[in-house]
Amino acid sequence: MTIQEAIQARHSVRAYKEQALADDVVRVLVEQIAHLNDVGQLHIQLILNEPKAFLGTLAKYGKFKGVTNYIVMAGKKSDDLDERVGYYGEHLVLLAQTLGLNTCWVGLSYSKVPGTYVLEEGEKIACYIAIGYGVTRGVGHKIKTVEQVSNASAITPSWFRKGVEAALLAPTAVNQQKFFFEYVGVKDSCHRVLAKKGFSLIGYTHMDLGIAKYHFEMGAGKENFVWV
């Protein structure tokens, strides 16, 4: 499965089988996490065979079942931490899909279990990502139109629309999709794109924007434009 195919196939899954992650799958995830921690300046940690984080009241409210593996998304406190968490976390989410796994971004429905993760000075946990072999493959949800979240038109490049279409398949908090992509034009022989977050009482718009930006890049092709 390619990343583009993973974008189409991936849906949030909250119930998981009692099945340990395969050794080769764990090895790929650990290697990728090390790489993303380096390039994204994050402290992502894979936690295996640990059920306590998803046994509390919040997890039951979030309808999570059988979660024993999860990814702790952490990093140093900064204005752009949530966006980087979304961007690089979605790398892992889509990689997991290509490896036959299922995932779910988790903002609140988990418990922090002492001793299961490490935080350095000045770091904080932004969210968790549940990961494992799902009881189901999840289901799709209603999404906005390209026109509602971008200025795509008959005169914008075809790759721009493809990027927006991929972004519309990105997971966002309660499916809010509070983002907007604007094709700005060409400067110094480079096509320029602006990504903006919208307002939400629910929050998580910075993280959602990071997730959507990664989807946009995969749909549009990173070589076709620069962010502004």
C-alpha atoms as a PDB file:
ATOM      1  CA  MET A   1       0.000   0.000   0.000  1.00  0.00           C
ATOM      2  CA  THR A   2       1.311   3.435  -0.949  1.00  0.00           C
ATOM      3  CA  ILE A   3       0.862   6.537   1.202  1.00  0.00           C
ATOM      4  CA  GLN A   4      -1.734   7.811  -1.273  1.00  0.00           C
ATOM      5  CA  GLU A   5      -3.651   4.545  -0.919  1.00  0.00           C
ATOM      6  CA  ALA A   6      -3.310   4.777   2.856  1.00  0.00           C
ATOM      7  CA  ILE A   7      -4.890   8.234   2.794  1.00  0.00           C
ATOM      8  CA  GLN A   8      -7.919   6.764   1.049  1.00  0.00           C
ATOM      9  CA  ALA A   9      -8.141   3.645   3.239  1.00  0.00           C
ATOM     10  CA  ARG A  10      -7.407   5.020   6.682  1.00  0.00           C
ATOM     11  CA  HIS A  11     -10.217   5.725   9.169  1.00  0.00           C
ATOM     12  CA  SER A  12     -10.152   6.181  12.940  1.00  0.00           C
ATOM     13  CA  VAL A  13     -10.498   2.925  14.894  1.00  0.00           C
ATOM     14  CA  ARG A  14     -11.302   2.795  18.623  1.00  0.00           C
ATOM     15  CA  ALA A  15     -11.595  -0.972  19.254  1.00  0.00           C
ATOM     16  CA  TYR A  16      -8.603  -3.307  18.911  1.00  0.00           C
ATOM     17  CA  LYS A  17      -7.877  -7.032  18.919  1.00  0.00           C
ATOM     18  CA  GLU A  18      -5.818  -8.689  21.659  1.00  0.00           C
ATOM     19  CA  GLN A  19      -2.876  -9.095  19.310  1.00  0.00           C
ATOM     20  CA  ALA A  20       0.697  -7.934  19.853  1.00  0.00           C
ATOM     21  CA  LEU A  21       2.346  -5.905  17.109  1.00  0.00           C
ATOM     22  CA  ALA A  22       4.551  -8.029  14.858  1.00  0.00           C
ATOM     23  CA  ASP A  23       8.288  -7.707  15.514  1.00  0.00           C
ATOM     24  CA  ASP A  24       9.071  -6.448  12.013  1.00  0.00           C
ATOM     25  CA  VAL A  25       6.297  -3.853  12.283  1.00  0.00           C
ATOM     26  CA  VAL A  26       7.666  -2.623  15.621  1.00  0.00           C
ATOM     27  CA  ARG A  27      11.138  -2.349  14.113  1.00  0.00           C
ATOM     28  CA  VAL A  28       9.888  -0.153  11.256  1.00  0.00           C
ATOM     29  CA  LEU A  29       7.908   2.068  13.640  1.00  0.00           C
ATOM     30  CA  VAL A  30      10.830   2.499  16.037  1.00  0.00           C
ATOM     31  CA  GLU A  31      13.184   3.441  13.196  1.00  0.00           C
ATOM     32  CA  GLN A  32      10.724   5.961  11.798  1.00  0.00           C
ATOM     33  CA  ILE A  33      10.043   7.457  15.224  1.00  0.00           C
ATOM     34  CA  ALA A  34      13.771   8.007  15.747  1.00  0.00           C
ATOM     35  CA  HIS A  35      13.968   9.769  12.386  1.00  0.00           C
ATOM     36  CA  LEU A  36      10.909  11.953  13.021  1.00  0.00           C
ATOM     37  CA  ASN A  37      12.130  12.896  16.494  1.00  0.00           C
ATOM     38  CA  ASP A  38      15.305  14.140  14.831  1.00  0.00           C
ATOM     39  CA  VAL A  39      13.799  16.117  11.958  1.00  0.00           C
ATOM     40  CA  GLY A  40      10.735  17.295  13.881  1.00  0.00           C
ATOM     41  CA  GLN A  41      12.530  18.082  17.158  1.00  0.00           C
ATOM     42  CA  LEU A  42      10.010  15.984  19.075  1.00  0.00           C
ATOM     43  CA  HIS A  43      10.055  13.267  21.753  1.00  0.00           C
ATOM     44  CA  ILE A  44       7.697  10.673  20.265  1.00  0.00           C
ATOM     45  CA  GLN A  45       7.588   7.362  22.168  1.00  0.00           C
ATOM     46  CA  LEU A  46       6.051   3.993  21.221  1.00  0.00           C
ATOM     47  CA  ILE A  47       4.472   2.205  24.192  1.00  0.00           C
ATOM     48  CA  LEU A  48       3.730  -1.521  23.794  1.00  0.00           C
ATOM     49  CA  ASN A  49       1.565  -3.979  25.735  1.00  0.00           C
ATOM     50  CA  GLU A  50       0.355  -1.403  28.264  1.00  0.00           C
ATOM     51  CA  PRO A  51      -3.437  -1.395  28.869  1.00  0.00           C
ATOM     52  CA  LYS A  52      -3.794   1.036  31.781  1.00  0.00           C
ATOM     53  CA  ALA A  53      -3.781   4.265  29.747  1.00  0.00           C
ATOM     54  CA  PHE A  54      -7.050   3.268  28.091  1.00  0.00           C
ATOM     55  CA  LEU A  55      -8.923   1.679  30.978  1.00  0.00           C
ATOM     56  CA  GLY A  56     -10.198   4.782  32.750  1.00  0.00           C
ATOM     57  CA  THR A  57     -13.464   6.678  32.611  1.00  0.00           C
ATOM     58  CA  LEU A  58     -12.245   8.976  29.848  1.00  0.00           C
ATOM     59  CA  ALA A  59     -11.359   6.025  27.623  1.00  0.00           C
ATOM     60  CA  LYS A  60     -14.780   4.475  28.183  1.00  0.00           C
ATOM     61  CA  TYR A  61     -16.396   7.821  27.334  1.00  0.00           C
ATOM     62  CA  GLY A  62     -14.324   7.879  24.146  1.00  0.00           C
ATOM     63  CA  LYS A  63     -15.499   4.325  23.383  1.00  0.00           C
ATOM     64  CA  PHE A  64     -11.979   2.893  23.297  1.00  0.00           C
ATOM     65  CA  LYS A  65     -11.615  -0.869  23.758  1.00  0.00           C
ATOM     66  CA  GLY A  66      -8.620  -3.175  23.754  1.00  0.00           C
ATOM     67  CA  VAL A  67      -5.982  -0.449  23.369  1.00  0.00           C
ATOM     68  CA  THR A  68      -2.670  -1.803  24.651  1.00  0.00           C
ATOM     69  CA  ASN A  69      -0.311  -0.071  22.220  1.00  0.00           C
ATOM     70  CA  TYR A  70      -0.063   3.661  21.710  1.00  0.00           C
ATOM     71  CA  ILE A  71       2.244   6.459  20.667  1.00  0.00           C
ATOM     72  CA  VAL A  72       2.995   9.315  23.056  1.00  0.00           C
ATOM     73  CA  MET A  73       3.312  12.560  21.075  1.00  0.00           C
ATOM     74  CA  ALA A  74       5.503  14.876  23.136  1.00  0.00           C
ATOM     75  CA  GLY A  75       8.005  17.673  22.719  1.00  0.00           C
ATOM     76  CA  LYS A  76       9.334  20.899  24.157  1.00  0.00           C
ATOM     77  CA  LYS A  77       6.713  23.534  24.797  1.00  0.00           C
ATOM     78  CA  SER A  78       6.575  26.024  21.928  1.00  0.00           C
ATOM     79  CA  ASP A  79       4.083  27.940  19.830  1.00  0.00           C
ATOM     80  CA  ASP A  80       4.389  25.477  16.947  1.00  0.00           C
ATOM     81  CA  LEU A  81       4.537  22.237  18.962  1.00  0.00           C
ATOM     82  CA  ASP A  82       0.961  21.168  18.191  1.00  0.00           C
ATOM     83  CA  GLU A  83       1.377  21.750  14.452  1.00  0.00           C
ATOM     84  CA  ARG A  84       4.605  19.720  14.381  1.00  0.00           C
ATOM     85  CA  VAL A  85       2.939  16.981  16.418  1.00  0.00           C
ATOM     86  CA  GLY A  86       0.133  16.820  13.863  1.00  0.00           C
ATOM     87  CA  TYR A  87       2.446  16.897  10.852  1.00  0.00           C
ATOM     88  CA  TYR A  88       4.932  14.270  12.016  1.00  0.00           C
ATOM     89  CA  GLY A  89       2.336  12.205  13.875  1.00  0.00           C
ATOM     90  CA  GLU A  90       0.399  11.787  10.651  1.00  0.00           C
ATOM     91  CA  HIS A  91       3.582  10.421   9.071  1.00  0.00           C
ATOM     92  CA  LEU A  92       3.318   7.596  11.599  1.00  0.00           C
ATOM     93  CA  VAL A  93      -0.439   7.177  11.201  1.00  0.00           C
ATOM     94  CA  LEU A  94      -0.201   6.674   7.456  1.00  0.00           C
ATOM     95  CA  LEU A  95       2.904   4.510   7.775  1.00  0.00           C
ATOM     96  CA  ALA A  96       0.976   2.325  10.223  1.00  0.00           C
ATOM     97  CA  GLN A  97      -1.820   1.982   7.676  1.00  0.00           C
ATOM     98  CA  THR A  98       0.641   0.716   5.063  1.00  0.00           C
ATOM     99  CA  LEU A  99       1.847  -1.847   7.628  1.00  0.00           C
ATOM    100  CA  GLY A 100      -1.640  -3.272   8.127  1.00  0.00           C
ATOM    101  CA  LEU A 101      -2.338  -1.417  11.380  1.00  0.00           C
ATOM    102  CA  ASN A 102      -5.137   0.877  12.486  1.00  0.00           C
ATOM    103  CA  THR A 103      -4.910   4.078  14.491  1.00  0.00           C
ATOM    104  CA  CYS A 104      -6.816   6.845  16.233  1.00  0.00           C
ATOM    105  CA  TRP A 105      -5.669  10.294  17.319  1.00  0.00           C
ATOM    106  CA  VAL A 106      -6.587  10.775  21.003  1.00  0.00           C
ATOM    107  CA  GLY A 107      -6.758  14.240  22.525  1.00  0.00           C
ATOM    108  CA  LEU A 108      -8.370  13.610  25.905  1.00  0.00           C
ATOM    109  CA  SER A 109      -9.627  10.029  26.304  1.00  0.00           C
ATOM    110  CA  TYR A 110      -6.529   8.557  27.911  1.00  0.00           C
ATOM    111  CA  SER A 111      -4.740   8.446  31.266  1.00  0.00           C
ATOM    112  CA  LYS A 112      -1.085   9.306  31.775  1.00  0.00           C
ATOM    113  CA  VAL A 113       0.439   6.257  33.425  1.00  0.00           C
ATOM    114  CA  PRO A 114       3.611   7.065  35.394  1.00  0.00           C
ATOM    115  CA  GLY A 115       6.661   5.148  34.247  1.00  0.00           C
ATOM    116  CA  THR A 116       5.394   4.479  30.743  1.00  0.00           C
ATOM    117  CA  TYR A 117       6.977   7.552  29.130  1.00  0.00           C
ATOM    118  CA  VAL A 118       9.840   9.973  29.701  1.00  0.00           C
ATOM    119  CA  LEU A 119       9.647  13.761  29.595  1.00  0.00           C
ATOM    120  CA  GLU A 120      12.725  15.951  29.553  1.00  0.00           C
ATOM    121  CA  GLU A 121      12.797  19.410  31.118  1.00  0.00           C
ATOM    122  CA  GLY A 122      10.412  21.775  29.363  1.00  0.00           C
ATOM    123  CA  GLU A 123       8.575  18.996  27.500  1.00  0.00           C
ATOM    124  CA  LYS A 124       4.887  18.177  27.519  1.00  0.00           C
ATOM    125  CA  ILE A 125       2.534  15.565  26.081  1.00  0.00           C
ATOM    126  CA  ALA A 126       0.337  16.929  23.298  1.00  0.00           C
ATOM    127  CA  CYS A 127      -1.753  13.812  22.649  1.00  0.00           C
ATOM    128  CA  TYR A 128      -1.657  10.040  22.208  1.00  0.00           C
ATOM    129  CA  ILE A 129      -2.209   7.924  19.096  1.00  0.00           C
ATOM    130  CA  ALA A 130      -3.829   4.515  19.646  1.00  0.00           C
ATOM    131  CA  ILE A 131      -2.308   1.883  17.364  1.00  0.00           C
ATOM    132  CA  GLY A 132      -2.864  -1.812  16.719  1.00  0.00           C
ATOM    133  CA  TYR A 133      -4.925  -4.330  14.792  1.00  0.00           C
ATOM    134  CA  GLY A 134      -8.458  -2.995  14.684  1.00  0.00           C
ATOM    135  CA  VAL A 135     -11.598  -5.012  15.262  1.00  0.00           C
ATOM    136  CA  THR A 136     -12.864  -3.143  12.178  1.00  0.00           C
ATOM    137  CA  ARG A 137     -11.230  -0.927   9.572  1.00  0.00           C
ATOM    138  CA  GLY A 138     -13.304   2.061  10.648  1.00  0.00           C
ATOM    139  CA  VAL A 139     -15.785   4.046   8.606  1.00  0.00           C
ATOM    140  CA  GLY A 140     -15.658   7.270   6.665  1.00  0.00           C
ATOM    141  CA  HIS A 141     -17.406  10.495   7.661  1.00  0.00           C
ATOM    142  CA  LYS A 142     -19.016  13.346   5.787  1.00  0.00           C
ATOM    143  CA  ILE A 143     -16.423  15.854   4.614  1.00  0.00           C
ATOM    144  CA  LYS A 144     -16.498  19.414   3.315  1.00  0.00           C
ATOM    145  CA  THR A 145     -16.078  20.299  -0.343  1.00  0.00           C
ATOM    146  CA  VAL A 146     -12.882  21.504  -1.974  1.00  0.00           C
ATOM    147  CA  GLU A 147     -14.482  24.922  -2.454  1.00  0.00           C
ATOM    148  CA  GLN A 148     -15.286  25.231   1.260  1.00  0.00           C
ATOM    149  CA  VAL A 149     -11.687  24.802   2.359  1.00  0.00           C
ATOM    150  CA  SER A 150      -9.674  26.350  -0.477  1.00  0.00           C
ATOM    151  CA  ASN A 151      -9.617  28.832  -3.350  1.00  0.00           C
ATOM    152  CA  ALA A 152      -9.214  26.031  -5.916  1.00  0.00           C
ATOM    153  CA  SER A 153     -10.714  26.996  -9.256  1.00  0.00           C
ATOM    154  CA  ALA A 154     -10.394  26.401 -12.978  1.00  0.00           C
ATOM    155  CA  ILE A 155      -7.244  28.533 -13.047  1.00  0.00           C
ATOM    156  CA  THR A 156      -5.355  26.995 -10.127  1.00  0.00           C
ATOM    157  CA  PRO A 157      -2.958  24.096 -10.881  1.00  0.00           C
ATOM    158  CA  SER A 158      -4.432  20.601 -10.952  1.00  0.00           C
ATOM    159  CA  TRP A 159      -1.960  19.463  -8.272  1.00  0.00           C
ATOM    160  CA  PHE A 160      -3.392  22.103  -5.922  1.00  0.00           C
ATOM    161  CA  ARG A 161      -6.861  20.559  -6.094  1.00  0.00           C
ATOM    162  CA  LYS A 162      -5.379  17.089  -5.568  1.00  0.00           C
ATOM    163  CA  GLY A 163      -3.641  18.391  -2.469  1.00  0.00           C
ATOM    164  CA  VAL A 164      -6.867  19.837  -1.088  1.00  0.00           C
ATOM    165  CA  GLU A 165      -8.716  16.584  -1.805  1.00  0.00           C
ATOM    166  CA  ALA A 166      -6.073  14.674   0.168  1.00  0.00           C
ATOM    167  CA  ALA A 167      -6.290  17.211   3.020  1.00  0.00           C
ATOM    168  CA  LEU A 168     -10.057  16.670   3.213  1.00  0.00           C
ATOM    169  CA  LEU A 169      -9.364  13.015   4.071  1.00  0.00           C
ATOM    170  CA  ALA A 170      -7.147  14.006   7.000  1.00  0.00           C
ATOM    171  CA  PRO A 171      -8.425  13.244  10.512  1.00  0.00           C
ATOM    172  CA  THR A 172      -9.391  16.311  12.558  1.00  0.00           C
ATOM    173  CA  ALA A 173     -10.871  16.729  16.035  1.00  0.00           C
ATOM    174  CA  VAL A 174     -14.582  15.759  15.869  1.00  0.00           C
ATOM    175  CA  ASN A 175     -14.222  16.013  12.087  1.00  0.00           C
ATOM    176  CA  GLN A 176     -14.246  19.826  12.326  1.00  0.00           C
ATOM    177  CA  GLN A 177     -11.971  20.478   9.287  1.00  0.00           C
ATOM    178  CA  LYS A 178     -11.187  24.040  10.380  1.00  0.00           C
ATOM    179  CA  PHE A 179      -8.459  24.690   7.810  1.00  0.00           C
ATOM    180  CA  PHE A 180      -8.102  26.614   4.550  1.00  0.00           C
ATOM    181  CA  PHE A 181      -5.605  26.274   1.696  1.00  0.00           C
ATOM    182  CA  GLU A 182      -4.917  29.255  -0.532  1.00  0.00           C
ATOM    183  CA  TYR A 183      -3.047  29.138  -3.819  1.00  0.00           C
ATOM    184  CA  VAL A 184      -1.094  32.407  -3.652  1.00  0.00           C
ATOM    185  CA  GLY A 185       0.610  32.395  -7.055  1.00  0.00           C
ATOM    186  CA  VAL A 186       4.118  32.187  -8.459  1.00  0.00           C
ATOM    187  CA  LYS A 187       7.146  34.059  -7.157  1.00  0.00           C
ATOM    188  CA  ASP A 188      10.756  33.435  -8.124  1.00  0.00           C
ATOM    189  CA  SER A 189       9.586  30.518 -10.294  1.00  0.00           C
ATOM    190  CA  CYS A 190       7.972  28.821  -7.268  1.00  0.00           C
ATOM    191  CA  HIS A 191       4.277  28.126  -6.781  1.00  0.00           C
ATOM    192  CA  ARG A 192       3.251  29.296  -3.318  1.00  0.00           C
ATOM    193  CA  VAL A 193       0.562  27.905  -1.025  1.00  0.00           C
ATOM    194  CA  LEU A 194      -0.722  29.311   2.265  1.00  0.00           C
ATOM    195  CA  ALA A 195      -2.317  27.039   4.876  1.00  0.00           C
ATOM    196  CA  LYS A 196      -4.436  28.642   7.594  1.00  0.00           C
ATOM    197  CA  LYS A 197      -6.295  27.314  10.618  1.00  0.00           C
ATOM    198  CA  GLY A 198      -9.802  28.413  11.474  1.00  0.00           C
ATOM    199  CA  PHE A 199     -11.391  29.169  14.841  1.00  0.00           C
ATOM    200  CA  SER A 200     -12.867  26.396  16.955  1.00  0.00           C
ATOM    201  CA  LEU A 201     -14.245  26.263  20.482  1.00  0.00           C
ATOM    202  CA  ILE A 202     -13.123  22.622  20.594  1.00  0.00           C
ATOM    203  CA  GLY A 203      -9.489  23.478  19.968  1.00  0.00           C
ATOM    204  CA  TYR A 204      -6.819  21.280  18.357  1.00  0.00           C
ATOM    205  CA  THR A 205      -6.817  23.473  15.222  1.00  0.00           C
ATOM    206  CA  HIS A 206      -3.012  23.807  15.209  1.00  0.00           C
ATOM    207  CA  MET A 207      -2.633  20.027  15.382  1.00  0.00           C
ATOM    208  CA  ASP A 208      -5.344  19.515  12.765  1.00  0.00           C
ATOM    209  CA  LEU A 209      -3.551  21.955  10.461  1.00  0.00           C
ATOM    210  CA  GLY A 210      -0.300  20.011  10.765  1.00  0.00           C
ATOM    211  CA  ILE A 211      -2.103  16.777   9.887  1.00  0.00           C
ATOM    212  CA  ALA A 212      -3.862  18.393   6.938  1.00  0.00           C
ATOM    213  CA  LYS A 213      -0.636  19.955   5.641  1.00  0.00           C
ATOM    214  CA  TYR A 214       1.032  16.548   5.478  1.00  0.00           C
ATOM    215  CA  HIS A 215      -1.946  15.153   3.563  1.00  0.00           C
ATOM    216  CA  PHE A 216      -1.808  18.136   1.209  1.00  0.00           C
ATOM    217  CA  GLU A 217       1.871  17.514   0.490  1.00  0.00           C
ATOM    218  CA  MET A 218       1.225  13.848  -0.270  1.00  0.00           C
ATOM    219  CA  GLY A 219      -1.642  14.719  -2.621  1.00  0.00           C
ATOM    220  CA  ALA A 220      -0.074  17.717  -4.346  1.00  0.00           C
ATOM    221  CA  GLY A 221       3.537  16.583  -4.461  1.00  0.00           C
ATOM    222  CA  LYS A 222       6.039  18.477  -2.293  1.00  0.00           C
ATOM    223  CA  GLU A 223       8.141  19.271  -5.342  1.00  0.00           C
ATOM    224  CA  ASN A 224       5.378  21.390  -6.893  1.00  0.00           C
ATOM    225  CA  PHE A 225       5.182  24.243  -4.351  1.00  0.00           C
ATOM    226  CA  VAL A 226       6.542  25.965  -1.262  1.00  0.00           C
ATOM    227  CA  TRP A 227       4.642  26.930   1.898  1.00  0.00           C
ATOM    228  CA  VAL A 228       4.311  30.617   2.735  1.00  0.00           C
END
